Amino acid sequence: MLPYTGRHAALYDVIYAEKPYAEEAGFVDRCLRQHGVGSCRRLLELACGTGEHALELARRGYRIVAVDSSPDMIALARAKAAERNLEIDFRVQDMRELSVGDEYDAAYCLFDSIGYVVTNEAVEQVLRRVRSHLRRGGLFVFEFWHAPAMLRHYRPVGVRRWHLGGTELLRIAETKLEVEEQVGTVSYSLYELSSDGRYQVTREEHRNRYFSVPEMSVLLERADLVPVSWLAGFEEERRIEANTWHILCLARRPE
């Protein structure tokens, strides 16, 4: 997996400033209350990024260990936790090699991050590592790109702009699909354009897997995790359709 590094990590919270982290964390909280077995207070997060979901859930009283493969993202997450006076155990770790000790009431992996693991074998490895960290009856809540929507509606090129004082930030995302592997390769180019004519360019390439619900069901079964619910993103009432971009799955370790 290629993590967010350097300037891309530093600008991450600017790029995703409009993401509704608080609402999504609240939805996860409700899912744990509705589907959790017994008390559910100890959480494990995979691919935590700069920590916004963990920060929101910690504010709700959860005790959290959160991992990410990017040291730069973890450094930002730790700084935010210290600034907000929240105790979260942020660690640098690849989810494929997940090993943080103890058993947890639930785990979660949001923002389609499980897709950074692109082969069936590696996804199954992650799911098995998650299972080994869950207590019996523990839940795993995770989000993934939905294959039908990706194949129908992906954009080959996306452009976004932000104005940051005297600097303009331009991000160009160029996406190519590897249909047989069900992987989207996104080449990001970040241009920081100063008012005096100077500029800085940062480039990263990310490969992200997209899944159908049936194939994710098979991968969960192989890892001895049982699907509890499939949701059209962070909405309980909406049906999953071919145009649904993001699937939220709740799976349980058998008791």
C-alpha atoms as a PDB file:
ATOM      1  CA  MET A   1       0.000   0.000   0.000  1.00  0.00           C
ATOM      2  CA  LEU A   2       1.196   3.528  -0.781  1.00  0.00           C
ATOM      3  CA  PRO A   3       0.372   5.792   2.145  1.00  0.00           C
ATOM      4  CA  TYR A   4      -0.299   9.505   2.114  1.00  0.00           C
ATOM      5  CA  THR A   5       3.074  11.154   2.676  1.00  0.00           C
ATOM      6  CA  GLY A   6       4.690  14.579   2.802  1.00  0.00           C
ATOM      7  CA  ARG A   7       2.647  17.435   1.367  1.00  0.00           C
ATOM      8  CA  HIS A   8      -0.245  15.142   0.420  1.00  0.00           C
ATOM      9  CA  ALA A   9      -0.574  14.162   4.081  1.00  0.00           C
ATOM     10  CA  ALA A  10      -0.165  17.773   5.240  1.00  0.00           C
ATOM     11  CA  LEU A  11      -2.956  18.914   2.897  1.00  0.00           C
ATOM     12  CA  TYR A  12      -5.260  15.953   3.589  1.00  0.00           C
ATOM     13  CA  ASP A  13      -7.484  17.806   6.044  1.00  0.00           C
ATOM     14  CA  VAL A  14      -7.838  20.703   3.603  1.00  0.00           C
ATOM     15  CA  ILE A  15      -8.858  18.375   0.782  1.00  0.00           C
ATOM     16  CA  TYR A  16     -11.422  16.546   2.936  1.00  0.00           C
ATOM     17  CA  ALA A  17     -12.550  19.447   5.117  1.00  0.00           C
ATOM     18  CA  GLU A  18     -16.168  18.952   4.021  1.00  0.00           C
ATOM     19  CA  LYS A  19     -16.300  15.248   4.853  1.00  0.00           C
ATOM     20  CA  PRO A  20     -18.998  14.713   7.537  1.00  0.00           C
ATOM     21  CA  TYR A  21     -16.789  12.894  10.050  1.00  0.00           C
ATOM     22  CA  ALA A  22     -19.031  13.686  13.029  1.00  0.00           C
ATOM     23  CA  GLU A  23     -22.139  12.346  11.297  1.00  0.00           C
ATOM     24  CA  GLU A  24     -20.343   9.200  10.140  1.00  0.00           C
ATOM     25  CA  ALA A  25     -18.921   8.567  13.607  1.00  0.00           C
ATOM     26  CA  GLY A  26     -22.403   9.041  15.034  1.00  0.00           C
ATOM     27  CA  PHE A  27     -23.742   6.476  12.578  1.00  0.00           C
ATOM     28  CA  VAL A  28     -21.053   3.979  13.616  1.00  0.00           C
ATOM     29  CA  ASP A  29     -21.936   4.664  17.245  1.00  0.00           C
ATOM     30  CA  ARG A  30     -25.604   3.852  16.533  1.00  0.00           C
ATOM     31  CA  CYS A  31     -24.655   0.670  14.670  1.00  0.00           C
ATOM     32  CA  LEU A  32     -22.582  -0.514  17.623  1.00  0.00           C
ATOM     33  CA  ARG A  33     -25.414   0.220  20.042  1.00  0.00           C
ATOM     34  CA  GLN A  34     -27.985  -1.578  17.873  1.00  0.00           C
ATOM     35  CA  HIS A  35     -25.927  -4.596  16.842  1.00  0.00           C
ATOM     36  CA  GLY A  36     -23.241  -4.915  19.492  1.00  0.00           C
ATOM     37  CA  VAL A  37     -23.273  -7.798  21.948  1.00  0.00           C
ATOM     38  CA  GLY A  38     -23.030  -6.553  25.515  1.00  0.00           C
ATOM     39  CA  SER A  39     -20.946  -3.523  26.430  1.00  0.00           C
ATOM     40  CA  CYS A  40     -19.101  -2.079  23.439  1.00  0.00           C
ATOM     41  CA  ARG A  41     -16.467   0.443  24.539  1.00  0.00           C
ATOM     42  CA  ARG A  42     -13.077  -0.727  23.219  1.00  0.00           C
ATOM     43  CA  LEU A  43     -12.580  -0.018  19.522  1.00  0.00           C
ATOM     44  CA  LEU A  44      -9.879  -0.741  16.969  1.00  0.00           C
ATOM     45  CA  GLU A  45      -9.610   1.422  13.841  1.00  0.00           C
ATOM     46  CA  LEU A  46      -7.785   0.407  10.665  1.00  0.00           C
ATOM     47  CA  ALA A  47      -6.436   3.019   8.213  1.00  0.00           C
ATOM     48  CA  CYS A  48      -7.309   5.890  10.543  1.00  0.00           C
ATOM     49  CA  GLY A  49      -5.732   8.647   8.430  1.00  0.00           C
ATOM     50  CA  THR A  50      -5.456  11.907  10.358  1.00  0.00           C
ATOM     51  CA  GLY A  51      -7.741  10.512  13.043  1.00  0.00           C
ATOM     52  CA  GLU A  52     -11.014  12.407  12.634  1.00  0.00           C
ATOM     53  CA  HIS A  53     -13.319   9.396  13.049  1.00  0.00           C
ATOM     54  CA  ALA A  54     -11.341   8.215  16.085  1.00  0.00           C
ATOM     55  CA  LEU A  55     -11.442  11.696  17.607  1.00  0.00           C
ATOM     56  CA  GLU A  56     -15.217  11.890  17.198  1.00  0.00           C
ATOM     57  CA  LEU A  57     -15.755   8.434  18.706  1.00  0.00           C
ATOM     58  CA  ALA A  58     -13.345   9.124  21.573  1.00  0.00           C
ATOM     59  CA  ARG A  59     -15.379  12.232  22.326  1.00  0.00           C
ATOM     60  CA  ARG A  60     -18.360   9.883  22.717  1.00  0.00           C
ATOM     61  CA  GLY A  61     -16.514   7.897  25.373  1.00  0.00           C
ATOM     62  CA  TYR A  62     -14.944   5.035  23.409  1.00  0.00           C
ATOM     63  CA  ARG A  63     -11.405   3.817  24.132  1.00  0.00           C
ATOM     64  CA  ILE A  64      -9.593   3.498  20.830  1.00  0.00           C
ATOM     65  CA  VAL A  65      -6.452   2.063  19.302  1.00  0.00           C
ATOM     66  CA  ALA A  66      -6.068   3.365  15.731  1.00  0.00           C
ATOM     67  CA  VAL A  67      -3.510   2.311  13.124  1.00  0.00           C
ATOM     68  CA  ASP A  68      -2.379   3.665   9.767  1.00  0.00           C
ATOM     69  CA  SER A  69       0.534   2.757   7.505  1.00  0.00           C
ATOM     70  CA  SER A  70       1.561   6.409   7.010  1.00  0.00           C
ATOM     71  CA  PRO A  71       3.850   7.876   9.709  1.00  0.00           C
ATOM     72  CA  ASP A  72       2.970  11.373   8.479  1.00  0.00           C
ATOM     73  CA  MET A  73      -0.762  10.796   8.931  1.00  0.00           C
ATOM     74  CA  ILE A  74      -0.251   9.287  12.386  1.00  0.00           C
ATOM     75  CA  ALA A  75       1.845  12.303  13.424  1.00  0.00           C
ATOM     76  CA  LEU A  76      -1.009  14.615  12.412  1.00  0.00           C
ATOM     77  CA  ALA A  77      -3.557  12.440  14.253  1.00  0.00           C
ATOM     78  CA  ARG A  78      -1.492  12.463  17.450  1.00  0.00           C
ATOM     79  CA  ALA A  79      -1.117  16.237  17.303  1.00  0.00           C
ATOM     80  CA  LYS A  80      -4.879  16.709  16.940  1.00  0.00           C
ATOM     81  CA  ALA A  81      -5.618  14.344  19.832  1.00  0.00           C
ATOM     82  CA  ALA A  82      -3.208  16.267  22.065  1.00  0.00           C
ATOM     83  CA  GLU A  83      -4.727  19.587  21.000  1.00  0.00           C
ATOM     84  CA  ARG A  84      -8.252  18.347  21.816  1.00  0.00           C
ATOM     85  CA  ASN A  85      -7.125  16.650  25.047  1.00  0.00           C
ATOM     86  CA  LEU A  86      -8.329  13.219  23.916  1.00  0.00           C
ATOM     87  CA  GLU A  87      -6.517   9.973  24.734  1.00  0.00           C
ATOM     88  CA  ILE A  88      -6.207   7.753  21.657  1.00  0.00           C
ATOM     89  CA  ASP A  89      -3.478   5.212  21.008  1.00  0.00           C
ATOM     90  CA  PHE A  90      -2.365   6.012  17.442  1.00  0.00           C
ATOM     91  CA  ARG A  91       0.138   3.555  15.935  1.00  0.00           C
ATOM     92  CA  VAL A  92       1.974   3.196  12.626  1.00  0.00           C
ATOM     93  CA  GLN A  93       1.016  -0.203  11.256  1.00  0.00           C
ATOM     94  CA  ASP A  94       0.068  -1.862   7.968  1.00  0.00           C
ATOM     95  CA  MET A  95      -3.385  -3.409   8.334  1.00  0.00           C
ATOM     96  CA  ARG A  96      -2.156  -6.564   6.592  1.00  0.00           C
ATOM     97  CA  GLU A  97       0.191  -7.143   9.532  1.00  0.00           C
ATOM     98  CA  LEU A  98      -2.246  -5.950  12.195  1.00  0.00           C
ATOM     99  CA  SER A  99      -0.970  -6.837  15.654  1.00  0.00           C
ATOM    100  CA  VAL A 100      -1.924  -4.596  18.552  1.00  0.00           C
ATOM    101  CA  GLY A 101      -2.656  -7.127  21.300  1.00  0.00           C
ATOM    102  CA  ASP A 102      -5.799  -7.554  23.373  1.00  0.00           C
ATOM    103  CA  GLU A 103      -9.351  -8.181  22.209  1.00  0.00           C
ATOM    104  CA  TYR A 104     -11.713  -5.425  21.143  1.00  0.00           C
ATOM    105  CA  ASP A 105     -15.474  -5.060  21.275  1.00  0.00           C
ATOM    106  CA  ALA A 106     -15.537  -3.782  17.698  1.00  0.00           C
ATOM    107  CA  ALA A 107     -13.299  -2.688  14.845  1.00  0.00           C
ATOM    108  CA  TYR A 108     -13.939  -0.319  11.966  1.00  0.00           C
ATOM    109  CA  CYS A 109     -12.310   0.739   8.690  1.00  0.00           C
ATOM    110  CA  LEU A 110     -13.983   3.630   6.853  1.00  0.00           C
ATOM    111  CA  PHE A 111     -13.537   5.847   3.774  1.00  0.00           C
ATOM    112  CA  ASP A 112     -13.198   2.774   1.502  1.00  0.00           C
ATOM    113  CA  SER A 113      -9.765   2.150   2.996  1.00  0.00           C
ATOM    114  CA  ILE A 114      -9.998  -1.638   2.979  1.00  0.00           C
ATOM    115  CA  GLY A 115      -9.683  -1.270  -0.797  1.00  0.00           C
ATOM    116  CA  TYR A 116      -6.031  -0.297  -0.431  1.00  0.00           C
ATOM    117  CA  VAL A 117      -5.538  -4.046  -0.054  1.00  0.00           C
ATOM    118  CA  VAL A 118      -6.035  -5.111  -3.648  1.00  0.00           C
ATOM    119  CA  THR A 119      -5.794  -8.928  -3.858  1.00  0.00           C
ATOM    120  CA  ASN A 120      -8.231 -11.514  -2.536  1.00  0.00           C
ATOM    121  CA  GLU A 121      -5.456 -13.138  -0.514  1.00  0.00           C
ATOM    122  CA  ALA A 122      -4.459  -9.863   1.121  1.00  0.00           C
ATOM    123  CA  VAL A 123      -8.063  -8.854   1.870  1.00  0.00           C
ATOM    124  CA  GLU A 124      -8.660 -12.237   3.483  1.00  0.00           C
ATOM    125  CA  GLN A 125      -5.457 -11.753   5.475  1.00  0.00           C
ATOM    126  CA  VAL A 126      -6.723  -8.404   6.789  1.00  0.00           C
ATOM    127  CA  LEU A 127     -10.114  -9.870   7.674  1.00  0.00           C
ATOM    128  CA  ARG A 128      -8.466 -12.728   9.547  1.00  0.00           C
ATOM    129  CA  ARG A 129      -6.261 -10.271  11.440  1.00  0.00           C
ATOM    130  CA  VAL A 130      -9.364  -8.261  12.368  1.00  0.00           C
ATOM    131  CA  ARG A 131     -11.165 -11.409  13.531  1.00  0.00           C
ATOM    132  CA  SER A 132      -8.233 -12.360  15.752  1.00  0.00           C
ATOM    133  CA  HIS A 133      -8.511  -8.991  17.520  1.00  0.00           C
ATOM    134  CA  LEU A 134     -12.281  -9.160  18.108  1.00  0.00           C
ATOM    135  CA  ARG A 135     -13.865 -10.773  21.124  1.00  0.00           C
ATOM    136  CA  ARG A 136     -16.513 -13.379  20.394  1.00  0.00           C
ATOM    137  CA  GLY A 137     -19.580 -11.589  19.072  1.00  0.00           C
ATOM    138  CA  GLY A 138     -17.501  -8.509  18.243  1.00  0.00           C
ATOM    139  CA  LEU A 139     -18.419  -6.370  15.235  1.00  0.00           C
ATOM    140  CA  PHE A 140     -16.398  -5.168  12.262  1.00  0.00           C
ATOM    141  CA  VAL A 141     -17.847  -2.100  10.515  1.00  0.00           C
ATOM    142  CA  PHE A 142     -16.213  -1.257   7.203  1.00  0.00           C
ATOM    143  CA  GLU A 143     -16.853   0.689   4.021  1.00  0.00           C
ATOM    144  CA  PHE A 144     -15.858  -0.184   0.468  1.00  0.00           C
ATOM    145  CA  TRP A 145     -16.194   1.026  -3.095  1.00  0.00           C
ATOM    146  CA  HIS A 146     -19.129  -0.680  -4.838  1.00  0.00           C
ATOM    147  CA  ALA A 147     -18.099  -2.331  -8.116  1.00  0.00           C
ATOM    148  CA  PRO A 148     -21.304  -1.700 -10.140  1.00  0.00           C
ATOM    149  CA  ALA A 149     -21.197   2.053  -9.507  1.00  0.00           C
ATOM    150  CA  MET A 150     -17.471   2.258 -10.171  1.00  0.00           C
ATOM    151  CA  LEU A 151     -17.770   0.444 -13.502  1.00  0.00           C
ATOM    152  CA  ARG A 152     -20.705   2.577 -14.629  1.00  0.00           C
ATOM    153  CA  HIS A 153     -19.828   6.025 -13.383  1.00  0.00           C
ATOM    154  CA  TYR A 154     -16.137   6.463 -12.598  1.00  0.00           C
ATOM    155  CA  ARG A 155     -14.602   9.730 -13.799  1.00  0.00           C
ATOM    156  CA  PRO A 156     -11.340   9.430 -15.766  1.00  0.00           C
ATOM    157  CA  VAL A 157     -10.328  12.928 -14.655  1.00  0.00           C
ATOM    158  CA  GLY A 158     -11.444  14.966 -11.650  1.00  0.00           C
ATOM    159  CA  VAL A 159     -10.319  18.498 -10.764  1.00  0.00           C
ATOM    160  CA  ARG A 160     -10.835  20.387  -7.502  1.00  0.00           C
ATOM    161  CA  ARG A 161      -9.619  23.826  -6.339  1.00  0.00           C
ATOM    162  CA  TRP A 162      -9.181  25.522  -2.975  1.00  0.00           C
ATOM    163  CA  HIS A 163      -8.129  29.074  -2.129  1.00  0.00           C
ATOM    164  CA  LEU A 164      -5.866  29.194   0.933  1.00  0.00           C
ATOM    165  CA  GLY A 165      -4.992  32.806   1.622  1.00  0.00           C
ATOM    166  CA  GLY A 166      -2.399  33.759  -0.981  1.00  0.00           C
ATOM    167  CA  THR A 167      -2.140  30.209  -2.316  1.00  0.00           C
ATOM    168  CA  GLU A 168      -4.379  28.306  -4.696  1.00  0.00           C
ATOM    169  CA  LEU A 169      -4.438  24.522  -4.333  1.00  0.00           C
ATOM    170  CA  LEU A 170      -5.336  22.495  -7.399  1.00  0.00           C
ATOM    171  CA  ARG A 171      -5.776  18.720  -7.297  1.00  0.00           C
ATOM    172  CA  ILE A 172      -6.043  16.658 -10.456  1.00  0.00           C
ATOM    173  CA  ALA A 173      -7.105  13.022 -10.030  1.00  0.00           C
ATOM    174  CA  GLU A 174      -6.672  10.763 -13.066  1.00  0.00           C
ATOM    175  CA  THR A 175      -8.323   7.351 -12.707  1.00  0.00           C
ATOM    176  CA  LYS A 176      -7.776   4.205 -14.728  1.00  0.00           C
ATOM    177  CA  LEU A 177      -9.630   0.951 -14.103  1.00  0.00           C
ATOM    178  CA  GLU A 178      -8.035  -2.490 -14.183  1.00  0.00           C
ATOM    179  CA  VAL A 179     -11.307  -4.320 -14.742  1.00  0.00           C
ATOM    180  CA  GLU A 180     -10.057  -7.895 -14.353  1.00  0.00           C
ATOM    181  CA  GLU A 181      -8.392  -7.075 -11.022  1.00  0.00           C
ATOM    182  CA  GLN A 182     -11.244  -4.718 -10.002  1.00  0.00           C
ATOM    183  CA  VAL A 183      -8.741  -2.021  -9.087  1.00  0.00           C
ATOM    184  CA  GLY A 184      -8.880   1.707  -9.700  1.00  0.00           C
ATOM    185  CA  THR A 185      -5.483   3.369 -10.052  1.00  0.00           C
ATOM    186  CA  VAL A 186      -5.710   7.054  -9.168  1.00  0.00           C
ATOM    187  CA  SER A 187      -2.814   9.362 -10.022  1.00  0.00           C
ATOM    188  CA  TYR A 188      -3.001  12.497  -7.876  1.00  0.00           C
ATOM    189  CA  SER A 189      -1.218  15.726  -8.811  1.00  0.00           C
ATOM    190  CA  LEU A 190      -1.324  18.534  -6.233  1.00  0.00           C
ATOM    191  CA  TYR A 191      -0.360  22.017  -7.424  1.00  0.00           C
ATOM    192  CA  GLU A 192       0.257  24.722  -4.826  1.00  0.00           C
ATOM    193  CA  LEU A 193       0.221  28.009  -6.752  1.00  0.00           C
ATOM    194  CA  SER A 194       1.481  31.126  -4.954  1.00  0.00           C
ATOM    195  CA  SER A 195       0.323  34.626  -5.880  1.00  0.00           C
ATOM    196  CA  ASP A 196       3.920  35.568  -6.763  1.00  0.00           C
ATOM    197  CA  GLY A 197       4.027  32.935  -9.512  1.00  0.00           C
ATOM    198  CA  ARG A 198       5.911  30.234  -7.630  1.00  0.00           C
ATOM    199  CA  TYR A 199       4.447  26.747  -7.468  1.00  0.00           C
ATOM    200  CA  GLN A 200       5.053  23.320  -5.953  1.00  0.00           C
ATOM    201  CA  VAL A 201       3.873  20.002  -7.383  1.00  0.00           C
ATOM    202  CA  THR A 202       3.304  16.808  -5.372  1.00  0.00           C
ATOM    203  CA  ARG A 203       2.374  13.511  -7.014  1.00  0.00           C
ATOM    204  CA  GLU A 204       1.145  10.207  -5.582  1.00  0.00           C
ATOM    205  CA  GLU A 205      -0.403   7.118  -7.115  1.00  0.00           C
ATOM    206  CA  HIS A 206      -2.999   5.110  -5.202  1.00  0.00           C
ATOM    207  CA  ARG A 207      -4.451   1.713  -6.118  1.00  0.00           C
ATOM    208  CA  ASN A 208      -7.850   0.947  -4.592  1.00  0.00           C
ATOM    209  CA  ARG A 209      -9.910  -2.221  -4.965  1.00  0.00           C
ATOM    210  CA  TYR A 210     -13.658  -2.142  -5.579  1.00  0.00           C
ATOM    211  CA  PHE A 211     -15.944  -5.035  -4.640  1.00  0.00           C
ATOM    212  CA  SER A 212     -19.391  -6.461  -5.268  1.00  0.00           C
ATOM    213  CA  VAL A 213     -21.468  -7.486  -2.269  1.00  0.00           C
ATOM    214  CA  PRO A 214     -21.400 -11.211  -3.208  1.00  0.00           C
ATOM    215  CA  GLU A 215     -17.612 -11.340  -3.485  1.00  0.00           C
ATOM    216  CA  MET A 216     -17.133  -9.503  -0.199  1.00  0.00           C
ATOM    217  CA  SER A 217     -19.527 -12.045   1.347  1.00  0.00           C
ATOM    218  CA  VAL A 218     -17.242 -14.858   0.172  1.00  0.00           C
ATOM    219  CA  LEU A 219     -14.140 -13.137   1.558  1.00  0.00           C
ATOM    220  CA  LEU A 220     -15.856 -12.657   4.920  1.00  0.00           C
ATOM    221  CA  GLU A 221     -16.926 -16.306   4.999  1.00  0.00           C
ATOM    222  CA  ARG A 222     -13.353 -17.427   4.330  1.00  0.00           C
ATOM    223  CA  ALA A 223     -12.199 -15.330   7.283  1.00  0.00           C
ATOM    224  CA  ASP A 224     -14.950 -16.741   9.549  1.00  0.00           C
ATOM    225  CA  LEU A 225     -16.818 -13.442   9.837  1.00  0.00           C
ATOM    226  CA  VAL A 226     -20.598 -13.355   9.420  1.00  0.00           C
ATOM    227  CA  PRO A 227     -22.320 -10.427   7.646  1.00  0.00           C
ATOM    228  CA  VAL A 228     -24.996  -8.821   9.814  1.00  0.00           C
ATOM    229  CA  SER A 229     -26.053  -5.982   7.543  1.00  0.00           C
ATOM    230  CA  TRP A 230     -25.230  -4.383   4.179  1.00  0.00           C
ATOM    231  CA  LEU A 231     -26.033  -0.678   3.942  1.00  0.00           C
ATOM    232  CA  ALA A 232     -26.026   1.916   1.167  1.00  0.00           C
ATOM    233  CA  GLY A 233     -23.356   4.023   2.809  1.00  0.00           C
ATOM    234  CA  PHE A 234     -24.272   5.765   6.039  1.00  0.00           C
ATOM    235  CA  GLU A 235     -28.025   5.450   5.442  1.00  0.00           C
ATOM    236  CA  GLU A 236     -30.131   2.702   6.978  1.00  0.00           C
ATOM    237  CA  GLU A 237     -33.280   3.285   4.945  1.00  0.00           C
ATOM    238  CA  ARG A 238     -31.835   3.500   1.427  1.00  0.00           C
ATOM    239  CA  ARG A 239     -31.654   0.363  -0.714  1.00  0.00           C
ATOM    240  CA  ILE A 240     -28.386  -0.743  -2.278  1.00  0.00           C
ATOM    241  CA  GLU A 241     -28.606  -0.178  -6.032  1.00  0.00           C
ATOM    242  CA  ALA A 242     -26.241  -0.327  -8.993  1.00  0.00           C
ATOM    243  CA  ASN A 243     -25.591   3.402  -8.569  1.00  0.00           C
ATOM    244  CA  THR A 244     -24.664   3.091  -4.879  1.00  0.00           C
ATOM    245  CA  TRP A 245     -21.026   4.200  -4.653  1.00  0.00           C
ATOM    246  CA  HIS A 246     -20.202   3.132  -1.107  1.00  0.00           C
ATOM    247  CA  ILE A 247     -21.277   0.039   0.842  1.00  0.00           C
ATOM    248  CA  LEU A 248     -21.118  -0.145   4.620  1.00  0.00           C
ATOM    249  CA  CYS A 249     -20.920  -3.694   5.956  1.00  0.00           C
ATOM    250  CA  LEU A 250     -21.432  -4.875   9.527  1.00  0.00           C
ATOM    251  CA  ALA A 251     -19.891  -8.290  10.147  1.00  0.00           C
ATOM    252  CA  ARG A 252     -19.607 -10.287  13.341  1.00  0.00           C
ATOM    253  CA  ARG A 253     -17.133 -12.735  14.796  1.00  0.00           C
ATOM    254  CA  PRO A 254     -19.221 -15.802  15.713  1.00  0.00           C
ATOM    255  CA  GLU A 255     -19.851 -16.302  19.422  1.00  0.00           C
END
